[in-house]
N, C-alpha and C. Protein backbone atom coordinates (compact mmCIF):
# COMPACT_ATOMS: atom_id res chain seq x y z
N UNK A 1 10.08 10.91 -44.94
CA UNK A 1 9.62 10.38 -43.67
C UNK A 1 9.84 11.40 -42.57
N UNK A 2 8.88 11.51 -41.68
CA UNK A 2 9.06 12.44 -40.57
C UNK A 2 9.99 11.81 -39.54
N UNK A 3 10.48 12.62 -38.61
CA UNK A 3 11.51 12.19 -37.68
C UNK A 3 11.12 10.98 -36.85
N UNK A 4 9.89 10.93 -36.35
CA UNK A 4 9.46 9.81 -35.51
C UNK A 4 9.44 8.51 -36.32
N UNK A 5 9.06 8.60 -37.60
CA UNK A 5 9.07 7.41 -38.45
C UNK A 5 10.50 6.92 -38.70
N UNK A 6 11.41 7.87 -38.90
CA UNK A 6 12.82 7.51 -39.08
C UNK A 6 13.37 6.83 -37.85
N UNK A 7 12.98 7.35 -36.65
CA UNK A 7 13.44 6.74 -35.40
C UNK A 7 12.89 5.33 -35.25
N UNK A 8 11.60 5.15 -35.58
CA UNK A 8 10.98 3.82 -35.49
C UNK A 8 11.67 2.84 -36.42
N UNK A 9 11.92 3.27 -37.65
CA UNK A 9 12.58 2.41 -38.63
C UNK A 9 13.99 2.04 -38.15
N UNK A 10 14.72 3.02 -37.63
CA UNK A 10 16.08 2.77 -37.14
C UNK A 10 16.05 1.79 -35.97
N UNK A 11 15.06 1.93 -35.09
CA UNK A 11 14.91 1.01 -33.95
C UNK A 11 14.68 -0.42 -34.44
N UNK A 12 13.77 -0.57 -35.39
CA UNK A 12 13.47 -1.90 -35.93
C UNK A 12 14.70 -2.53 -36.56
N UNK A 13 15.46 -1.74 -37.29
CA UNK A 13 16.68 -2.25 -37.94
C UNK A 13 17.69 -2.66 -36.88
N UNK A 14 17.86 -1.84 -35.84
CA UNK A 14 18.83 -2.17 -34.80
C UNK A 14 18.42 -3.42 -34.02
N UNK A 15 17.14 -3.55 -33.70
CA UNK A 15 16.66 -4.74 -33.00
C UNK A 15 16.86 -5.98 -33.88
N UNK A 16 16.54 -5.86 -35.16
CA UNK A 16 16.74 -6.98 -36.09
C UNK A 16 18.21 -7.36 -36.14
N UNK A 17 19.09 -6.36 -36.19
CA UNK A 17 20.53 -6.64 -36.22
C UNK A 17 20.97 -7.42 -34.98
N UNK A 18 20.48 -6.99 -33.81
CA UNK A 18 20.83 -7.68 -32.57
C UNK A 18 20.36 -9.14 -32.59
N UNK A 19 19.14 -9.35 -33.06
CA UNK A 19 18.61 -10.71 -33.12
C UNK A 19 19.35 -11.57 -34.14
N UNK A 20 19.62 -11.00 -35.32
CA UNK A 20 20.37 -11.73 -36.33
C UNK A 20 21.76 -12.10 -35.80
N UNK A 21 22.37 -11.15 -35.06
CA UNK A 21 23.71 -11.39 -34.51
C UNK A 21 23.68 -12.48 -33.45
N UNK A 22 22.61 -12.51 -32.67
CA UNK A 22 22.50 -13.48 -31.57
C UNK A 22 22.05 -14.86 -32.05
N UNK A 23 21.04 -14.88 -32.94
CA UNK A 23 20.42 -16.15 -33.33
C UNK A 23 20.74 -16.59 -34.76
N UNK A 24 21.20 -15.66 -35.57
CA UNK A 24 21.39 -15.95 -36.99
C UNK A 24 20.14 -15.56 -37.76
N UNK A 25 20.31 -15.36 -39.05
CA UNK A 25 19.19 -14.94 -39.90
C UNK A 25 18.07 -15.98 -39.93
N UNK A 26 18.43 -17.25 -40.13
CA UNK A 26 17.45 -18.31 -40.29
C UNK A 26 16.57 -18.52 -39.07
N UNK A 27 17.14 -18.36 -37.87
CA UNK A 27 16.40 -18.64 -36.63
C UNK A 27 15.59 -17.44 -36.13
N UNK A 28 15.78 -16.27 -36.73
CA UNK A 28 15.05 -15.07 -36.31
C UNK A 28 13.76 -14.95 -37.10
N UNK A 29 12.67 -14.63 -36.41
CA UNK A 29 11.38 -14.44 -37.08
C UNK A 29 10.96 -12.98 -37.01
N UNK A 30 10.01 -12.63 -37.85
CA UNK A 30 9.45 -11.27 -37.80
C UNK A 30 8.78 -11.04 -36.45
N UNK A 31 8.16 -12.07 -35.88
CA UNK A 31 7.55 -11.96 -34.55
C UNK A 31 8.60 -11.59 -33.50
N UNK A 32 9.79 -12.23 -33.58
CA UNK A 32 10.87 -11.92 -32.64
C UNK A 32 11.23 -10.44 -32.71
N UNK A 33 11.34 -9.93 -33.92
CA UNK A 33 11.72 -8.52 -34.11
C UNK A 33 10.64 -7.60 -33.55
N UNK A 34 9.38 -7.91 -33.84
CA UNK A 34 8.26 -7.09 -33.35
C UNK A 34 8.21 -7.09 -31.82
N UNK A 35 8.39 -8.25 -31.21
CA UNK A 35 8.32 -8.36 -29.75
C UNK A 35 9.45 -7.61 -29.07
N UNK A 36 10.68 -7.85 -29.53
CA UNK A 36 11.83 -7.23 -28.87
C UNK A 36 11.84 -5.71 -29.04
N UNK A 37 11.28 -5.23 -30.12
CA UNK A 37 11.25 -3.78 -30.35
C UNK A 37 10.07 -3.10 -29.66
N UNK A 38 9.19 -3.91 -29.05
CA UNK A 38 7.96 -3.39 -28.42
C UNK A 38 7.07 -2.68 -29.43
N UNK A 39 7.12 -3.14 -30.66
CA UNK A 39 6.25 -2.64 -31.72
C UNK A 39 5.42 -3.82 -32.20
N UNK A 40 4.25 -3.58 -32.62
CA UNK A 40 3.41 -4.67 -33.11
C UNK A 40 3.86 -5.15 -34.49
N UNK A 41 3.36 -6.33 -34.84
CA UNK A 41 3.66 -6.87 -36.18
C UNK A 41 3.17 -5.91 -37.27
N UNK A 42 2.07 -5.27 -36.99
CA UNK A 42 1.51 -4.35 -37.98
C UNK A 42 2.48 -3.20 -38.26
N UNK A 43 3.08 -2.66 -37.18
CA UNK A 43 4.06 -1.58 -37.34
C UNK A 43 5.27 -2.09 -38.12
N UNK A 44 5.76 -3.28 -37.76
CA UNK A 44 6.91 -3.85 -38.44
C UNK A 44 6.65 -4.01 -39.93
N UNK A 45 5.46 -4.54 -40.26
CA UNK A 45 5.14 -4.77 -41.68
C UNK A 45 4.82 -3.48 -42.43
N UNK A 46 4.59 -2.40 -41.70
CA UNK A 46 4.43 -1.09 -42.35
C UNK A 46 5.75 -0.65 -42.97
N UNK A 47 6.85 -0.99 -42.28
CA UNK A 47 8.18 -0.57 -42.73
C UNK A 47 8.89 -1.62 -43.59
N UNK A 48 8.65 -2.89 -43.28
CA UNK A 48 9.36 -3.97 -43.97
C UNK A 48 8.38 -5.09 -44.32
N UNK A 49 8.36 -5.45 -45.58
CA UNK A 49 7.40 -6.45 -46.06
C UNK A 49 7.83 -7.89 -45.76
N UNK A 50 9.13 -8.09 -45.49
CA UNK A 50 9.63 -9.46 -45.27
C UNK A 50 10.90 -9.39 -44.42
N UNK A 51 11.29 -10.56 -43.94
CA UNK A 51 12.53 -10.67 -43.17
C UNK A 51 13.73 -10.33 -44.05
N UNK A 52 13.67 -10.73 -45.32
CA UNK A 52 14.76 -10.42 -46.25
C UNK A 52 14.92 -8.92 -46.42
N UNK A 53 13.80 -8.20 -46.44
CA UNK A 53 13.85 -6.74 -46.61
C UNK A 53 14.50 -6.07 -45.41
N UNK A 54 14.15 -6.52 -44.20
CA UNK A 54 14.76 -5.91 -43.01
C UNK A 54 16.22 -6.33 -42.90
N UNK A 55 16.53 -7.54 -43.35
CA UNK A 55 17.92 -8.01 -43.37
C UNK A 55 18.75 -7.11 -44.29
N UNK A 56 18.20 -6.79 -45.45
CA UNK A 56 18.90 -5.90 -46.38
C UNK A 56 19.13 -4.53 -45.75
N UNK A 57 18.15 -4.05 -44.98
CA UNK A 57 18.30 -2.76 -44.29
C UNK A 57 19.41 -2.84 -43.24
N UNK A 58 19.51 -3.97 -42.55
CA UNK A 58 20.58 -4.17 -41.56
C UNK A 58 21.93 -4.14 -42.26
N UNK A 59 22.06 -4.88 -43.34
CA UNK A 59 23.32 -4.93 -44.09
C UNK A 59 23.70 -3.54 -44.58
N UNK A 60 22.71 -2.83 -45.12
CA UNK A 60 22.96 -1.48 -45.63
C UNK A 60 23.46 -0.56 -44.52
N UNK A 61 22.86 -0.66 -43.34
CA UNK A 61 23.26 0.16 -42.20
C UNK A 61 24.69 -0.14 -41.79
N UNK A 62 25.03 -1.44 -41.73
CA UNK A 62 26.38 -1.83 -41.34
C UNK A 62 27.41 -1.39 -42.39
N UNK A 63 27.06 -1.52 -43.66
CA UNK A 63 27.97 -1.09 -44.72
C UNK A 63 28.15 0.42 -44.71
N UNK A 64 27.09 1.14 -44.35
CA UNK A 64 27.19 2.59 -44.25
C UNK A 64 28.18 3.01 -43.16
N UNK A 65 28.26 2.20 -42.08
CA UNK A 65 29.25 2.49 -41.03
C UNK A 65 30.67 2.39 -41.59
N UNK A 66 30.90 1.35 -42.39
CA UNK A 66 32.22 1.20 -43.02
C UNK A 66 32.48 2.38 -43.97
N UNK A 67 31.49 2.69 -44.78
CA UNK A 67 31.62 3.78 -45.76
C UNK A 67 31.89 5.12 -45.08
N UNK A 68 31.17 5.40 -43.98
CA UNK A 68 31.37 6.66 -43.26
C UNK A 68 32.78 6.77 -42.70
N UNK A 69 33.30 5.65 -42.19
CA UNK A 69 34.68 5.66 -41.69
C UNK A 69 35.67 5.95 -42.81
N UNK A 70 35.43 5.38 -43.99
CA UNK A 70 36.33 5.60 -45.12
C UNK A 70 36.27 7.04 -45.62
N UNK A 71 35.08 7.63 -45.57
CA UNK A 71 34.92 9.02 -46.02
C UNK A 71 35.76 9.98 -45.18
N UNK A 72 35.95 9.68 -43.89
CA UNK A 72 36.75 10.57 -43.04
C UNK A 72 38.20 10.61 -43.51
N UNK A 73 38.69 9.48 -44.01
CA UNK A 73 40.06 9.44 -44.52
C UNK A 73 40.17 10.25 -45.80
N UNK A 74 39.24 10.02 -46.71
CA UNK A 74 39.27 10.69 -48.01
C UNK A 74 39.18 12.21 -47.85
N UNK A 75 38.43 12.65 -46.85
CA UNK A 75 38.22 14.09 -46.63
C UNK A 75 39.46 14.80 -46.10
N UNK A 76 40.43 14.05 -45.62
CA UNK A 76 41.62 14.67 -45.04
C UNK A 76 42.50 15.31 -46.11
N UNK A 77 42.70 16.60 -45.98
CA UNK A 77 43.50 17.35 -46.96
C UNK A 77 44.97 17.41 -46.54
N UNK A 78 45.25 17.03 -45.27
CA UNK A 78 46.62 17.14 -44.76
C UNK A 78 47.49 15.93 -45.10
N UNK A 79 46.92 14.93 -45.75
CA UNK A 79 47.67 13.71 -46.05
C UNK A 79 48.08 13.66 -47.52
N UNK A 80 49.33 13.25 -47.75
CA UNK A 80 49.76 12.95 -49.12
C UNK A 80 49.08 11.66 -49.56
N UNK A 81 49.00 11.41 -50.87
CA UNK A 81 48.29 10.22 -51.35
C UNK A 81 48.80 8.90 -50.76
N UNK A 82 50.13 8.77 -50.59
CA UNK A 82 50.65 7.52 -50.02
C UNK A 82 50.20 7.35 -48.56
N UNK A 83 50.21 8.45 -47.79
CA UNK A 83 49.74 8.41 -46.40
C UNK A 83 48.23 8.14 -46.35
N UNK A 84 47.52 8.74 -47.28
CA UNK A 84 46.07 8.55 -47.35
C UNK A 84 45.73 7.09 -47.64
N UNK A 85 46.51 6.48 -48.52
CA UNK A 85 46.27 5.08 -48.86
C UNK A 85 46.53 4.17 -47.66
N UNK A 86 47.59 4.45 -46.92
CA UNK A 86 47.89 3.67 -45.71
C UNK A 86 46.77 3.84 -44.69
N UNK A 87 46.35 5.08 -44.49
CA UNK A 87 45.24 5.36 -43.56
C UNK A 87 43.97 4.65 -43.99
N UNK A 88 43.70 4.70 -45.28
CA UNK A 88 42.51 4.07 -45.85
C UNK A 88 42.51 2.57 -45.54
N UNK A 89 43.64 1.90 -45.78
CA UNK A 89 43.74 0.46 -45.54
C UNK A 89 43.53 0.16 -44.05
N UNK A 90 44.18 0.94 -43.19
CA UNK A 90 44.03 0.74 -41.74
C UNK A 90 42.59 0.94 -41.28
N UNK A 91 41.99 2.03 -41.73
CA UNK A 91 40.61 2.34 -41.32
C UNK A 91 39.65 1.27 -41.83
N UNK A 92 39.86 0.82 -43.06
CA UNK A 92 38.98 -0.21 -43.62
C UNK A 92 39.09 -1.51 -42.83
N UNK A 93 40.31 -1.91 -42.52
CA UNK A 93 40.49 -3.15 -41.76
C UNK A 93 39.87 -3.04 -40.37
N UNK A 94 40.03 -1.88 -39.73
CA UNK A 94 39.42 -1.68 -38.41
C UNK A 94 37.90 -1.67 -38.49
N UNK A 95 37.37 -1.05 -39.54
CA UNK A 95 35.91 -0.97 -39.69
C UNK A 95 35.30 -2.35 -39.92
N UNK A 96 35.97 -3.16 -40.74
CA UNK A 96 35.49 -4.53 -40.99
C UNK A 96 35.56 -5.34 -39.69
N UNK A 97 36.66 -5.18 -38.96
CA UNK A 97 36.81 -5.89 -37.68
C UNK A 97 35.68 -5.50 -36.73
N UNK A 98 35.35 -4.22 -36.65
CA UNK A 98 34.27 -3.75 -35.77
C UNK A 98 32.93 -4.35 -36.17
N UNK A 99 32.66 -4.41 -37.47
CA UNK A 99 31.40 -4.99 -37.95
C UNK A 99 31.32 -6.47 -37.58
N UNK A 100 32.44 -7.17 -37.73
CA UNK A 100 32.47 -8.60 -37.38
C UNK A 100 32.22 -8.79 -35.89
N UNK A 101 32.88 -7.99 -35.06
CA UNK A 101 32.71 -8.10 -33.61
C UNK A 101 31.26 -7.79 -33.20
N UNK A 102 30.67 -6.77 -33.82
CA UNK A 102 29.31 -6.35 -33.49
C UNK A 102 28.25 -7.39 -33.84
N UNK A 103 28.55 -8.26 -34.79
CA UNK A 103 27.48 -9.04 -35.39
C UNK A 103 27.50 -10.55 -35.14
N UNK A 104 28.27 -11.01 -34.20
CA UNK A 104 28.20 -12.39 -33.74
C UNK A 104 27.84 -13.42 -34.80
N UNK A 105 26.69 -14.09 -34.63
CA UNK A 105 26.25 -15.16 -35.53
C UNK A 105 25.98 -14.66 -36.95
N UNK A 106 25.74 -13.38 -37.08
CA UNK A 106 25.43 -12.80 -38.39
C UNK A 106 26.67 -12.64 -39.24
N UNK A 107 27.85 -12.65 -38.61
CA UNK A 107 29.05 -12.23 -39.33
C UNK A 107 29.32 -13.02 -40.61
N UNK A 108 29.16 -14.34 -40.55
CA UNK A 108 29.44 -15.14 -41.76
C UNK A 108 28.45 -14.80 -42.86
N UNK A 109 27.17 -14.71 -42.50
CA UNK A 109 26.15 -14.36 -43.50
C UNK A 109 26.38 -12.95 -44.03
N UNK A 110 26.79 -12.07 -43.12
CA UNK A 110 26.97 -10.66 -43.49
C UNK A 110 27.95 -10.50 -44.64
N UNK A 111 29.04 -11.25 -44.61
CA UNK A 111 30.05 -11.11 -45.65
C UNK A 111 29.95 -12.15 -46.75
N UNK A 112 29.33 -13.29 -46.49
CA UNK A 112 29.43 -14.40 -47.43
C UNK A 112 28.14 -14.79 -48.13
N UNK A 113 26.98 -14.41 -47.61
CA UNK A 113 25.72 -14.81 -48.23
C UNK A 113 25.47 -13.97 -49.47
N UNK A 114 25.95 -14.47 -50.60
CA UNK A 114 25.95 -13.66 -51.82
C UNK A 114 24.55 -13.28 -52.27
N UNK A 115 23.59 -14.16 -52.12
CA UNK A 115 22.24 -13.86 -52.59
C UNK A 115 21.64 -12.65 -51.88
N UNK A 116 21.80 -12.60 -50.56
CA UNK A 116 21.18 -11.51 -49.80
C UNK A 116 22.07 -10.29 -49.64
N UNK A 117 23.38 -10.49 -49.71
CA UNK A 117 24.29 -9.41 -49.35
C UNK A 117 24.90 -8.69 -50.55
N UNK A 118 25.30 -9.41 -51.58
CA UNK A 118 26.06 -8.80 -52.66
C UNK A 118 25.31 -7.67 -53.36
N UNK A 119 24.00 -7.80 -53.48
CA UNK A 119 23.23 -6.73 -54.12
C UNK A 119 23.35 -5.44 -53.32
N UNK A 120 23.30 -5.56 -51.99
CA UNK A 120 23.42 -4.39 -51.12
C UNK A 120 24.86 -3.89 -51.12
N UNK A 121 25.82 -4.81 -51.19
CA UNK A 121 27.23 -4.45 -51.15
C UNK A 121 27.69 -3.74 -52.41
N UNK A 122 26.99 -3.95 -53.51
CA UNK A 122 27.43 -3.42 -54.80
C UNK A 122 27.72 -1.92 -54.73
N UNK A 123 26.87 -1.19 -54.02
CA UNK A 123 27.05 0.26 -53.91
C UNK A 123 28.34 0.62 -53.18
N UNK A 124 28.60 -0.08 -52.05
CA UNK A 124 29.84 0.17 -51.30
C UNK A 124 31.06 -0.22 -52.13
N UNK A 125 30.99 -1.36 -52.81
CA UNK A 125 32.12 -1.81 -53.64
C UNK A 125 32.43 -0.78 -54.72
N UNK A 126 31.40 -0.29 -55.39
CA UNK A 126 31.57 0.72 -56.43
C UNK A 126 32.20 1.99 -55.85
N UNK A 127 31.70 2.42 -54.70
CA UNK A 127 32.19 3.62 -54.03
C UNK A 127 33.66 3.44 -53.63
N UNK A 128 33.98 2.28 -53.08
CA UNK A 128 35.35 2.00 -52.65
C UNK A 128 36.33 2.03 -53.82
N UNK A 129 35.95 1.39 -54.91
CA UNK A 129 36.84 1.36 -56.08
C UNK A 129 37.11 2.78 -56.58
N UNK A 130 36.10 3.62 -56.56
CA UNK A 130 36.28 5.01 -57.00
C UNK A 130 37.18 5.80 -56.06
N UNK A 131 37.03 5.56 -54.75
CA UNK A 131 37.89 6.24 -53.77
C UNK A 131 39.34 5.85 -54.01
N UNK A 132 39.57 4.54 -54.13
CA UNK A 132 40.93 4.05 -54.35
C UNK A 132 41.50 4.60 -55.65
N UNK A 133 40.70 4.62 -56.69
CA UNK A 133 41.15 5.15 -57.98
C UNK A 133 41.56 6.62 -57.84
N UNK A 134 40.76 7.41 -57.13
CA UNK A 134 41.07 8.83 -56.94
C UNK A 134 42.39 9.02 -56.18
N UNK A 135 42.59 8.20 -55.14
CA UNK A 135 43.84 8.29 -54.37
C UNK A 135 45.03 7.92 -55.26
N UNK A 136 44.87 6.87 -56.05
CA UNK A 136 45.95 6.43 -56.93
C UNK A 136 46.27 7.47 -58.00
N UNK A 137 45.24 8.07 -58.59
CA UNK A 137 45.45 9.11 -59.61
C UNK A 137 46.18 10.30 -59.00
N UNK A 138 45.77 10.70 -57.81
CA UNK A 138 46.43 11.81 -57.13
C UNK A 138 47.91 11.48 -56.89
N UNK A 139 48.16 10.24 -56.46
CA UNK A 139 49.54 9.82 -56.22
C UNK A 139 50.36 9.76 -57.50
N UNK A 140 49.74 9.33 -58.59
CA UNK A 140 50.44 9.29 -59.89
C UNK A 140 50.75 10.70 -60.36
N UNK A 141 49.78 11.60 -60.20
CA UNK A 141 49.98 13.00 -60.62
C UNK A 141 51.11 13.66 -59.83
N UNK A 142 51.28 13.24 -58.57
CA UNK A 142 52.34 13.83 -57.73
C UNK A 142 53.65 13.06 -57.84
N UNK A 143 53.68 12.02 -58.70
CA UNK A 143 54.90 11.25 -58.89
C UNK A 143 55.21 10.26 -57.78
N UNK A 144 54.25 9.98 -56.91
CA UNK A 144 54.47 9.05 -55.80
C UNK A 144 54.23 7.60 -56.20
N UNK A 145 53.32 7.39 -57.13
CA UNK A 145 53.00 6.04 -57.60
C UNK A 145 53.37 5.92 -59.07
N UNK A 146 53.70 4.71 -59.48
CA UNK A 146 54.01 4.47 -60.89
C UNK A 146 52.78 4.73 -61.74
N UNK A 147 53.03 5.21 -62.96
CA UNK A 147 51.93 5.45 -63.91
C UNK A 147 51.44 4.12 -64.46
N UNK A 148 50.32 3.68 -63.96
CA UNK A 148 49.69 2.46 -64.44
C UNK A 148 48.21 2.75 -64.60
N UNK A 149 47.47 1.77 -65.03
CA UNK A 149 46.02 1.92 -65.20
C UNK A 149 45.39 2.07 -63.82
N UNK A 150 44.99 3.28 -63.41
CA UNK A 150 44.49 3.49 -62.05
C UNK A 150 43.18 2.74 -61.77
N UNK A 151 42.36 2.59 -62.79
CA UNK A 151 41.09 1.89 -62.59
C UNK A 151 41.34 0.41 -62.29
N UNK A 152 42.24 -0.20 -63.04
CA UNK A 152 42.55 -1.61 -62.82
C UNK A 152 43.31 -1.80 -61.51
N UNK A 153 44.23 -0.89 -61.20
CA UNK A 153 44.98 -0.96 -59.94
C UNK A 153 44.03 -0.85 -58.75
N UNK A 154 43.05 0.06 -58.85
CA UNK A 154 42.05 0.23 -57.78
C UNK A 154 41.22 -1.04 -57.62
N UNK A 155 40.85 -1.63 -58.74
CA UNK A 155 40.06 -2.87 -58.71
C UNK A 155 40.84 -3.99 -58.01
N UNK A 156 42.12 -4.14 -58.36
CA UNK A 156 42.96 -5.17 -57.75
C UNK A 156 43.11 -4.93 -56.24
N UNK A 157 43.38 -3.68 -55.87
CA UNK A 157 43.56 -3.37 -54.46
C UNK A 157 42.26 -3.59 -53.69
N UNK A 158 41.14 -3.22 -54.30
CA UNK A 158 39.83 -3.42 -53.65
C UNK A 158 39.59 -4.89 -53.35
N UNK A 159 39.86 -5.76 -54.33
CA UNK A 159 39.62 -7.18 -54.12
C UNK A 159 40.61 -7.78 -53.13
N UNK A 160 41.83 -7.26 -53.08
CA UNK A 160 42.77 -7.71 -52.04
C UNK A 160 42.23 -7.37 -50.66
N UNK A 161 41.77 -6.13 -50.49
CA UNK A 161 41.24 -5.71 -49.19
C UNK A 161 39.97 -6.48 -48.84
N UNK A 162 39.13 -6.70 -49.81
CA UNK A 162 37.89 -7.45 -49.58
C UNK A 162 38.22 -8.89 -49.17
N UNK A 163 39.33 -9.42 -49.70
CA UNK A 163 39.74 -10.78 -49.36
C UNK A 163 40.14 -10.94 -47.91
N UNK A 164 40.51 -9.83 -47.24
CA UNK A 164 40.87 -9.91 -45.83
C UNK A 164 39.66 -10.04 -44.92
N UNK A 165 38.46 -9.92 -45.46
CA UNK A 165 37.27 -10.05 -44.62
C UNK A 165 37.12 -11.47 -44.08
N UNK A 166 37.43 -12.47 -44.89
CA UNK A 166 37.25 -13.86 -44.48
C UNK A 166 38.09 -14.23 -43.25
N UNK A 167 39.38 -13.86 -43.19
CA UNK A 167 40.14 -14.17 -41.97
C UNK A 167 39.54 -13.52 -40.72
N UNK A 168 38.97 -12.32 -40.85
CA UNK A 168 38.31 -11.70 -39.70
C UNK A 168 37.10 -12.52 -39.27
N UNK A 169 36.32 -12.97 -40.25
CA UNK A 169 35.13 -13.76 -39.95
C UNK A 169 35.51 -15.06 -39.24
N UNK A 170 36.59 -15.68 -39.69
CA UNK A 170 37.03 -16.95 -39.10
C UNK A 170 37.77 -16.76 -37.78
N UNK A 171 38.01 -15.51 -37.40
CA UNK A 171 38.73 -15.26 -36.16
C UNK A 171 40.23 -15.37 -36.29
N UNK A 172 40.74 -15.49 -37.52
CA UNK A 172 42.17 -15.67 -37.72
C UNK A 172 42.95 -14.37 -37.50
N UNK A 173 42.27 -13.23 -37.57
CA UNK A 173 42.95 -11.96 -37.37
C UNK A 173 42.67 -11.37 -35.99
N UNK A 174 42.09 -12.15 -35.10
CA UNK A 174 41.79 -11.63 -33.76
C UNK A 174 43.06 -11.18 -33.05
N UNK A 175 44.15 -11.89 -33.31
CA UNK A 175 45.39 -11.61 -32.61
C UNK A 175 46.41 -10.92 -33.52
N UNK A 176 45.93 -10.27 -34.55
CA UNK A 176 46.86 -9.63 -35.50
C UNK A 176 47.63 -8.52 -34.79
N UNK A 177 48.93 -8.52 -34.99
CA UNK A 177 49.77 -7.52 -34.34
C UNK A 177 49.93 -6.32 -35.26
N UNK A 178 50.40 -5.23 -34.66
CA UNK A 178 50.66 -4.03 -35.45
C UNK A 178 51.70 -4.32 -36.52
N UNK A 179 52.70 -5.15 -36.18
CA UNK A 179 53.75 -5.50 -37.14
C UNK A 179 53.18 -6.23 -38.34
N UNK A 180 52.26 -7.17 -38.09
CA UNK A 180 51.63 -7.90 -39.19
C UNK A 180 50.79 -6.97 -40.05
N UNK A 181 50.10 -6.04 -39.41
CA UNK A 181 49.31 -5.06 -40.17
C UNK A 181 50.24 -4.25 -41.07
N UNK A 182 51.38 -3.86 -40.56
CA UNK A 182 52.35 -3.10 -41.36
C UNK A 182 52.84 -3.94 -42.54
N UNK A 183 53.05 -5.23 -42.33
CA UNK A 183 53.48 -6.12 -43.42
C UNK A 183 52.42 -6.22 -44.51
N UNK A 184 51.15 -6.32 -44.09
CA UNK A 184 50.05 -6.37 -45.06
C UNK A 184 50.04 -5.11 -45.91
N UNK A 185 50.14 -3.96 -45.25
CA UNK A 185 50.11 -2.68 -45.97
C UNK A 185 51.33 -2.56 -46.89
N UNK A 186 52.49 -2.99 -46.40
CA UNK A 186 53.70 -2.93 -47.23
C UNK A 186 53.55 -3.79 -48.49
N UNK A 187 53.01 -4.99 -48.32
CA UNK A 187 52.82 -5.87 -49.49
C UNK A 187 51.81 -5.29 -50.46
N UNK A 188 50.72 -4.70 -49.94
CA UNK A 188 49.71 -4.11 -50.83
C UNK A 188 50.27 -2.91 -51.59
N UNK A 189 51.11 -2.14 -50.93
CA UNK A 189 51.60 -0.91 -51.56
C UNK A 189 52.88 -1.12 -52.36
N UNK A 190 53.72 -2.05 -51.92
CA UNK A 190 55.03 -2.19 -52.54
C UNK A 190 55.29 -3.53 -53.20
N UNK A 191 54.42 -4.49 -52.99
CA UNK A 191 54.64 -5.81 -53.57
C UNK A 191 55.75 -6.54 -52.84
N UNK A 192 56.28 -7.58 -53.48
CA UNK A 192 57.31 -8.41 -52.87
C UNK A 192 58.70 -8.16 -53.45
N UNK A 193 58.75 -7.52 -54.62
CA UNK A 193 60.05 -7.28 -55.25
C UNK A 193 60.81 -6.16 -54.54
N UNK A 194 62.12 -6.25 -54.60
CA UNK A 194 62.94 -5.17 -54.05
C UNK A 194 62.86 -3.95 -54.94
N UNK A 195 62.74 -4.20 -56.25
CA UNK A 195 62.66 -3.10 -57.22
C UNK A 195 61.41 -3.23 -58.01
N UNK A 196 60.75 -2.13 -58.26
CA UNK A 196 59.53 -2.16 -59.05
C UNK A 196 59.86 -2.10 -60.53
N UNK A 197 59.11 -2.85 -61.28
CA UNK A 197 59.31 -2.89 -62.72
C UNK A 197 58.03 -2.46 -63.41
N UNK A 198 58.13 -1.62 -64.41
CA UNK A 198 56.94 -1.20 -65.15
C UNK A 198 56.50 -2.31 -66.07
N UNK A 199 55.20 -2.43 -66.27
CA UNK A 199 54.67 -3.45 -67.19
C UNK A 199 54.85 -2.98 -68.62
């Protein structure tokens, strides 16, 4: 696609996101998106064949924001694996919070509408599990983490982190303190036992 087409597509996606956030997916029409973007229906249908297709593009764009934030942590060479994991958890929680704040009425659908969202999320989930696995393997190699199945450990940690999305959606983490964030990270990294036991 040439640059002007990319700009037009990005504009349509951003306008759709704003409308979905304000009115919700169900109440937004393709006409609404065409009107607010100052593009005709014909232009809109050139890029997107249906509301579901543009919705998927919105979800993909929002997930890419989360992914880009996570990549900055992974790229840091100055952090030990344990520090990298803490940074990763913090950045992920902040990125999810930002997406929730940005998307108003869309937020519940964004994280919970499995039919429309999970297919798009699959790529981010796969990417996240691999990032976590790499951090864990590096930590195991350096003797910082216990030698366990890194793939399974990454899967468990990923689902724990993904589980924190719902409290953000419900507004339960709006007032989360730094101390509570530290407790969450401590539990994810160290568990509840005073001493770790190998399986």
